[in-house]
Amino acid sequence: MLLDEDPVFLGITCKNRIGGEQIRLNMKKIGLKCGLHIENGRSDERIIPGAMRHTFTNNIKESGLNPDYVAELRGDKRDKSQDAYYRINTVRLIEEYDKHALTLAEVS
């Protein structure tokens, strides 16, 4: 399980945690280069983290992944009483995610 203090994204040159704003800027830059991002467009015409989170959630839920694993992957807050008795097995989570994740071949 990732802890809040564990960085998910690191910079290439400085190896420090990348913040949300840098992630948004990088996604926008890539989207513009690929022609997938329209500046000031509707939400479905822009590459933004919220849209990526929405797409990820829909795809992984529709694949049949255990809802507890979906919540863990999304970083959702869990009920404290549940946390006291239940821990997600990270190895099992990765195995299940790998079985349910779409491959690029399936998307094309």
N, C-alpha and C. Protein backbone atom coordinates (compact mmCIF):
# COMPACT_ATOMS: atom_id res chain seq x y z
N MET A 1 0.84 -1.17 0.00
CA MET A 1 0.00 0.00 0.00
C MET A 1 0.89 1.24 0.00
N LEU A 2 0.55 2.20 -0.86
CA LEU A 2 1.28 3.46 -0.87
C LEU A 2 0.86 4.29 0.33
N LEU A 3 1.81 4.88 0.96
CA LEU A 3 1.53 5.78 2.07
C LEU A 3 1.45 7.20 1.53
N ASP A 4 0.75 8.07 2.23
CA ASP A 4 0.60 9.45 1.78
C ASP A 4 1.94 10.13 1.53
N GLU A 5 2.95 9.76 2.31
CA GLU A 5 4.25 10.42 2.15
C GLU A 5 5.07 9.83 1.01
N ASP A 6 4.64 8.71 0.42
CA ASP A 6 5.36 8.10 -0.70
C ASP A 6 5.02 8.83 -1.99
N PRO A 7 6.02 9.41 -2.68
CA PRO A 7 5.71 10.08 -3.94
C PRO A 7 5.34 9.08 -5.03
N VAL A 8 4.35 9.45 -5.83
CA VAL A 8 3.95 8.61 -6.96
C VAL A 8 4.74 9.00 -8.20
N PHE A 9 4.97 10.30 -8.38
CA PHE A 9 5.71 10.80 -9.52
C PHE A 9 6.93 11.56 -9.04
N LEU A 10 8.08 11.28 -9.67
CA LEU A 10 9.33 11.96 -9.33
C LEU A 10 9.85 12.71 -10.55
N GLY A 11 10.52 13.83 -10.31
CA GLY A 11 11.14 14.58 -11.40
C GLY A 11 12.31 13.82 -11.98
N ILE A 12 12.61 14.05 -13.25
CA ILE A 12 13.71 13.35 -13.92
C ILE A 12 15.06 13.88 -13.44
N THR A 13 15.20 15.20 -13.36
CA THR A 13 16.51 15.76 -13.03
C THR A 13 16.75 15.87 -11.53
N CYS A 14 15.74 16.27 -10.77
CA CYS A 14 15.99 16.51 -9.34
C CYS A 14 15.51 15.36 -8.45
N LYS A 15 14.78 14.42 -8.99
CA LYS A 15 14.30 13.24 -8.24
C LYS A 15 13.41 13.61 -7.05
N ASN A 16 12.81 14.79 -7.09
CA ASN A 16 11.88 15.20 -6.04
C ASN A 16 10.45 14.91 -6.47
N ARG A 17 9.56 14.92 -5.50
CA ARG A 17 8.13 14.71 -5.75
C ARG A 17 7.63 15.78 -6.73
N ILE A 18 6.83 15.37 -7.70
CA ILE A 18 6.18 16.30 -8.62
C ILE A 18 4.80 16.60 -8.07
N GLY A 19 4.46 17.87 -8.01
CA GLY A 19 3.16 18.28 -7.49
C GLY A 19 2.07 18.19 -8.54
N GLY A 20 0.84 18.38 -8.09
CA GLY A 20 -0.32 18.29 -8.97
C GLY A 20 -0.29 19.27 -10.13
N GLU A 21 0.16 20.50 -9.87
CA GLU A 21 0.20 21.49 -10.94
C GLU A 21 1.18 21.08 -12.04
N GLN A 22 2.32 20.53 -11.67
CA GLN A 22 3.30 20.08 -12.68
C GLN A 22 2.72 18.93 -13.50
N ILE A 23 1.98 18.04 -12.85
CA ILE A 23 1.35 16.93 -13.57
C ILE A 23 0.34 17.47 -14.57
N ARG A 24 -0.50 18.43 -14.14
CA ARG A 24 -1.47 19.03 -15.06
C ARG A 24 -0.79 19.69 -16.25
N LEU A 25 0.29 20.45 -15.98
CA LEU A 25 1.01 21.11 -17.07
C LEU A 25 1.62 20.10 -18.04
N ASN A 26 2.21 19.04 -17.52
CA ASN A 26 2.79 18.00 -18.39
C ASN A 26 1.72 17.33 -19.23
N MET A 27 0.57 17.01 -18.63
CA MET A 27 -0.51 16.37 -19.39
C MET A 27 -1.01 17.29 -20.50
N LYS A 28 -1.17 18.58 -20.18
CA LYS A 28 -1.62 19.55 -21.17
C LYS A 28 -0.62 19.65 -22.33
N LYS A 29 0.66 19.73 -21.99
CA LYS A 29 1.72 19.84 -23.00
C LYS A 29 1.70 18.63 -23.94
N ILE A 30 1.60 17.45 -23.38
CA ILE A 30 1.55 16.23 -24.19
C ILE A 30 0.28 16.21 -25.03
N GLY A 31 -0.85 16.56 -24.42
CA GLY A 31 -2.12 16.60 -25.14
C GLY A 31 -2.11 17.56 -26.31
N LEU A 32 -1.50 18.73 -26.14
CA LEU A 32 -1.39 19.70 -27.22
C LEU A 32 -0.54 19.15 -28.36
N LYS A 33 0.58 18.53 -28.02
CA LYS A 33 1.47 17.95 -29.04
C LYS A 33 0.77 16.86 -29.84
N CYS A 34 -0.08 16.09 -29.18
CA CYS A 34 -0.77 14.96 -29.82
C CYS A 34 -2.08 15.37 -30.48
N GLY A 35 -2.48 16.62 -30.30
CA GLY A 35 -3.75 17.08 -30.86
C GLY A 35 -4.96 16.58 -30.09
N LEU A 36 -4.75 16.21 -28.84
CA LEU A 36 -5.84 15.68 -28.02
C LEU A 36 -6.36 16.69 -27.00
N HIS A 37 -5.76 17.86 -26.96
CA HIS A 37 -6.14 18.87 -25.98
C HIS A 37 -6.49 20.15 -26.72
N ILE A 38 -7.71 20.65 -26.51
CA ILE A 38 -8.14 21.92 -27.10
C ILE A 38 -8.20 22.95 -25.98
N GLU A 39 -7.34 23.96 -26.07
CA GLU A 39 -7.29 25.01 -25.05
C GLU A 39 -8.67 25.65 -24.91
N ASN A 40 -9.16 25.78 -23.70
CA ASN A 40 -10.48 26.35 -23.39
C ASN A 40 -11.63 25.55 -23.98
N GLY A 41 -11.38 24.29 -24.33
CA GLY A 41 -12.44 23.43 -24.86
C GLY A 41 -13.29 22.85 -23.74
N ARG A 42 -14.31 22.09 -24.15
CA ARG A 42 -15.15 21.38 -23.18
C ARG A 42 -14.28 20.38 -22.44
N SER A 43 -14.77 19.88 -21.31
CA SER A 43 -13.97 18.96 -20.51
C SER A 43 -13.59 17.70 -21.29
N ASP A 44 -14.44 17.26 -22.24
CA ASP A 44 -14.11 16.08 -23.02
C ASP A 44 -13.15 16.39 -24.17
N GLU A 45 -12.77 17.66 -24.32
CA GLU A 45 -11.82 18.06 -25.36
C GLU A 45 -10.45 18.43 -24.77
N ARG A 46 -10.32 18.24 -23.47
CA ARG A 46 -9.08 18.61 -22.79
C ARG A 46 -8.51 17.39 -22.07
N ILE A 47 -7.20 17.33 -22.01
CA ILE A 47 -6.53 16.29 -21.24
C ILE A 47 -6.28 16.88 -19.85
N ILE A 48 -7.07 16.44 -18.90
CA ILE A 48 -6.95 16.93 -17.53
C ILE A 48 -6.96 15.74 -16.58
N PRO A 49 -6.31 15.87 -15.42
CA PRO A 49 -6.25 14.74 -14.48
C PRO A 49 -7.62 14.16 -14.11
N GLY A 50 -8.62 15.01 -13.94
CA GLY A 50 -9.95 14.52 -13.57
C GLY A 50 -10.54 13.61 -14.64
N ALA A 51 -10.32 13.96 -15.90
CA ALA A 51 -10.83 13.12 -17.00
C ALA A 51 -10.09 11.79 -17.04
N MET A 52 -8.79 11.83 -16.76
CA MET A 52 -8.01 10.59 -16.75
C MET A 52 -8.45 9.69 -15.60
N ARG A 53 -8.71 10.29 -14.45
CA ARG A 53 -9.18 9.53 -13.28
C ARG A 53 -10.54 8.90 -13.58
N HIS A 54 -11.41 9.68 -14.24
CA HIS A 54 -12.74 9.18 -14.61
C HIS A 54 -12.63 7.99 -15.57
N THR A 55 -11.80 8.13 -16.60
CA THR A 55 -11.62 7.05 -17.57
C THR A 55 -11.02 5.82 -16.91
N PHE A 56 -9.99 6.01 -16.09
CA PHE A 56 -9.37 4.90 -15.38
C PHE A 56 -10.40 4.16 -14.53
N THR A 57 -11.16 4.93 -13.75
CA THR A 57 -12.16 4.32 -12.86
C THR A 57 -13.19 3.53 -13.64
N ASN A 58 -13.73 4.11 -14.70
CA ASN A 58 -14.73 3.39 -15.51
C ASN A 58 -14.16 2.11 -16.09
N ASN A 59 -12.98 2.19 -16.69
CA ASN A 59 -12.39 1.01 -17.32
C ASN A 59 -12.10 -0.10 -16.32
N ILE A 60 -11.54 0.25 -15.18
CA ILE A 60 -11.14 -0.78 -14.22
C ILE A 60 -12.36 -1.38 -13.52
N LYS A 61 -13.40 -0.56 -13.27
CA LYS A 61 -14.62 -1.09 -12.66
C LYS A 61 -15.36 -2.01 -13.64
N GLU A 62 -15.44 -1.59 -14.91
CA GLU A 62 -16.12 -2.40 -15.92
C GLU A 62 -15.39 -3.71 -16.17
N SER A 63 -14.10 -3.76 -15.86
CA SER A 63 -13.33 -4.99 -16.07
C SER A 63 -13.63 -6.03 -14.99
N GLY A 64 -14.30 -5.60 -13.90
CA GLY A 64 -14.67 -6.54 -12.86
C GLY A 64 -13.72 -6.58 -11.68
N LEU A 65 -12.81 -5.61 -11.57
CA LEU A 65 -11.88 -5.60 -10.44
C LEU A 65 -12.64 -5.38 -9.13
N ASN A 66 -12.20 -6.06 -8.10
CA ASN A 66 -12.78 -5.96 -6.76
C ASN A 66 -12.92 -4.47 -6.38
N PRO A 67 -14.11 -4.04 -5.93
CA PRO A 67 -14.31 -2.63 -5.57
C PRO A 67 -13.34 -2.10 -4.51
N ASP A 68 -12.91 -2.96 -3.58
CA ASP A 68 -11.91 -2.52 -2.59
C ASP A 68 -10.58 -2.18 -3.27
N TYR A 69 -10.22 -2.94 -4.29
CA TYR A 69 -8.99 -2.67 -5.03
C TYR A 69 -9.12 -1.39 -5.84
N VAL A 70 -10.30 -1.18 -6.43
CA VAL A 70 -10.53 0.06 -7.19
C VAL A 70 -10.35 1.26 -6.27
N ALA A 71 -10.96 1.19 -5.09
CA ALA A 71 -10.85 2.29 -4.12
C ALA A 71 -9.40 2.51 -3.70
N GLU A 72 -8.66 1.43 -3.50
CA GLU A 72 -7.25 1.55 -3.11
C GLU A 72 -6.43 2.19 -4.22
N LEU A 73 -6.65 1.77 -5.47
CA LEU A 73 -5.91 2.33 -6.60
C LEU A 73 -6.23 3.81 -6.80
N ARG A 74 -7.47 4.19 -6.54
CA ARG A 74 -7.88 5.59 -6.67
C ARG A 74 -7.39 6.45 -5.51
N GLY A 75 -7.03 5.80 -4.41
CA GLY A 75 -6.59 6.55 -3.24
C GLY A 75 -7.75 7.07 -2.42
N ASP A 76 -8.92 6.44 -2.56
CA ASP A 76 -10.10 6.86 -1.82
C ASP A 76 -9.88 6.69 -0.32
N LYS A 77 -10.49 7.56 0.46
CA LYS A 77 -10.46 7.43 1.92
C LYS A 77 -11.29 6.22 2.31
N ARG A 78 -10.81 5.48 3.31
CA ARG A 78 -11.55 4.30 3.77
C ARG A 78 -12.06 4.54 5.18
N ASP A 79 -13.11 3.86 5.53
CA ASP A 79 -13.70 3.93 6.85
C ASP A 79 -12.67 3.47 7.89
N LYS A 80 -12.49 4.26 8.94
CA LYS A 80 -11.48 3.93 9.96
C LYS A 80 -11.74 2.59 10.62
N SER A 81 -13.01 2.24 10.82
CA SER A 81 -13.30 0.94 11.44
C SER A 81 -12.89 -0.20 10.52
N GLN A 82 -13.02 0.02 9.22
CA GLN A 82 -12.59 -1.00 8.25
C GLN A 82 -11.07 -1.12 8.26
N ASP A 83 -10.37 0.01 8.36
CA ASP A 83 -8.91 0.00 8.36
C ASP A 83 -8.33 -0.80 9.52
N ALA A 84 -9.02 -0.80 10.63
CA ALA A 84 -8.52 -1.51 11.82
C ALA A 84 -8.48 -3.02 11.61
N TYR A 85 -9.32 -3.55 10.74
CA TYR A 85 -9.43 -5.00 10.59
C TYR A 85 -9.05 -5.53 9.21
N TYR A 86 -8.93 -4.65 8.24
CA TYR A 86 -8.72 -5.12 6.86
C TYR A 86 -7.58 -4.34 6.22
N ARG A 87 -6.65 -5.05 5.67
CA ARG A 87 -5.54 -4.45 4.92
C ARG A 87 -5.53 -5.05 3.52
N ILE A 88 -5.29 -4.19 2.56
CA ILE A 88 -5.16 -4.64 1.18
C ILE A 88 -3.78 -5.29 1.03
N ASN A 89 -3.76 -6.48 0.47
CA ASN A 89 -2.51 -7.17 0.17
C ASN A 89 -1.98 -6.58 -1.14
N THR A 90 -0.89 -5.84 -1.06
CA THR A 90 -0.37 -5.13 -2.22
C THR A 90 0.02 -6.07 -3.36
N VAL A 91 0.61 -7.20 -3.04
CA VAL A 91 1.00 -8.17 -4.07
C VAL A 91 -0.24 -8.66 -4.81
N ARG A 92 -1.27 -9.02 -4.05
CA ARG A 92 -2.53 -9.50 -4.65
C ARG A 92 -3.19 -8.39 -5.47
N LEU A 93 -3.14 -7.16 -4.97
CA LEU A 93 -3.70 -6.02 -5.69
C LEU A 93 -3.03 -5.88 -7.06
N ILE A 94 -1.72 -5.95 -7.09
CA ILE A 94 -0.98 -5.82 -8.35
C ILE A 94 -1.33 -6.96 -9.30
N GLU A 95 -1.40 -8.18 -8.78
CA GLU A 95 -1.75 -9.33 -9.62
C GLU A 95 -3.14 -9.15 -10.23
N GLU A 96 -4.09 -8.75 -9.40
CA GLU A 96 -5.46 -8.57 -9.88
C GLU A 96 -5.55 -7.41 -10.87
N TYR A 97 -4.86 -6.32 -10.58
CA TYR A 97 -4.86 -5.19 -11.50
C TYR A 97 -4.31 -5.62 -12.86
N ASP A 98 -3.20 -6.35 -12.85
CA ASP A 98 -2.59 -6.81 -14.10
C ASP A 98 -3.55 -7.68 -14.91
N LYS A 99 -4.37 -8.47 -14.22
CA LYS A 99 -5.35 -9.32 -14.93
C LYS A 99 -6.48 -8.51 -15.53
N HIS A 100 -6.83 -7.38 -14.91
CA HIS A 100 -7.99 -6.61 -15.33
C HIS A 100 -7.68 -5.38 -16.16
N ALA A 101 -6.44 -4.92 -16.14
CA ALA A 101 -6.07 -3.69 -16.84
C ALA A 101 -6.15 -3.88 -18.34
N LEU A 102 -6.62 -2.85 -19.02
CA LEU A 102 -6.66 -2.88 -20.48
C LEU A 102 -5.25 -2.75 -21.03
N THR A 103 -4.99 -3.46 -22.09
CA THR A 103 -3.72 -3.28 -22.78
C THR A 103 -3.96 -2.32 -23.94
N LEU A 104 -2.90 -1.77 -24.47
CA LEU A 104 -3.06 -0.87 -25.62
C LEU A 104 -3.71 -1.58 -26.80
N ALA A 105 -3.43 -2.86 -26.97
CA ALA A 105 -4.03 -3.62 -28.07
C ALA A 105 -5.55 -3.71 -27.92
N GLU A 106 -6.03 -3.82 -26.68
CA GLU A 106 -7.47 -3.91 -26.44
C GLU A 106 -8.16 -2.58 -26.66
N VAL A 107 -7.45 -1.47 -26.44
CA VAL A 107 -8.03 -0.15 -26.59
C VAL A 107 -8.13 0.22 -28.06
N SER A 108 -7.15 -0.17 -28.87
CA SER A 108 -7.12 0.21 -30.30
C SER A 108 -8.21 -0.48 -31.09
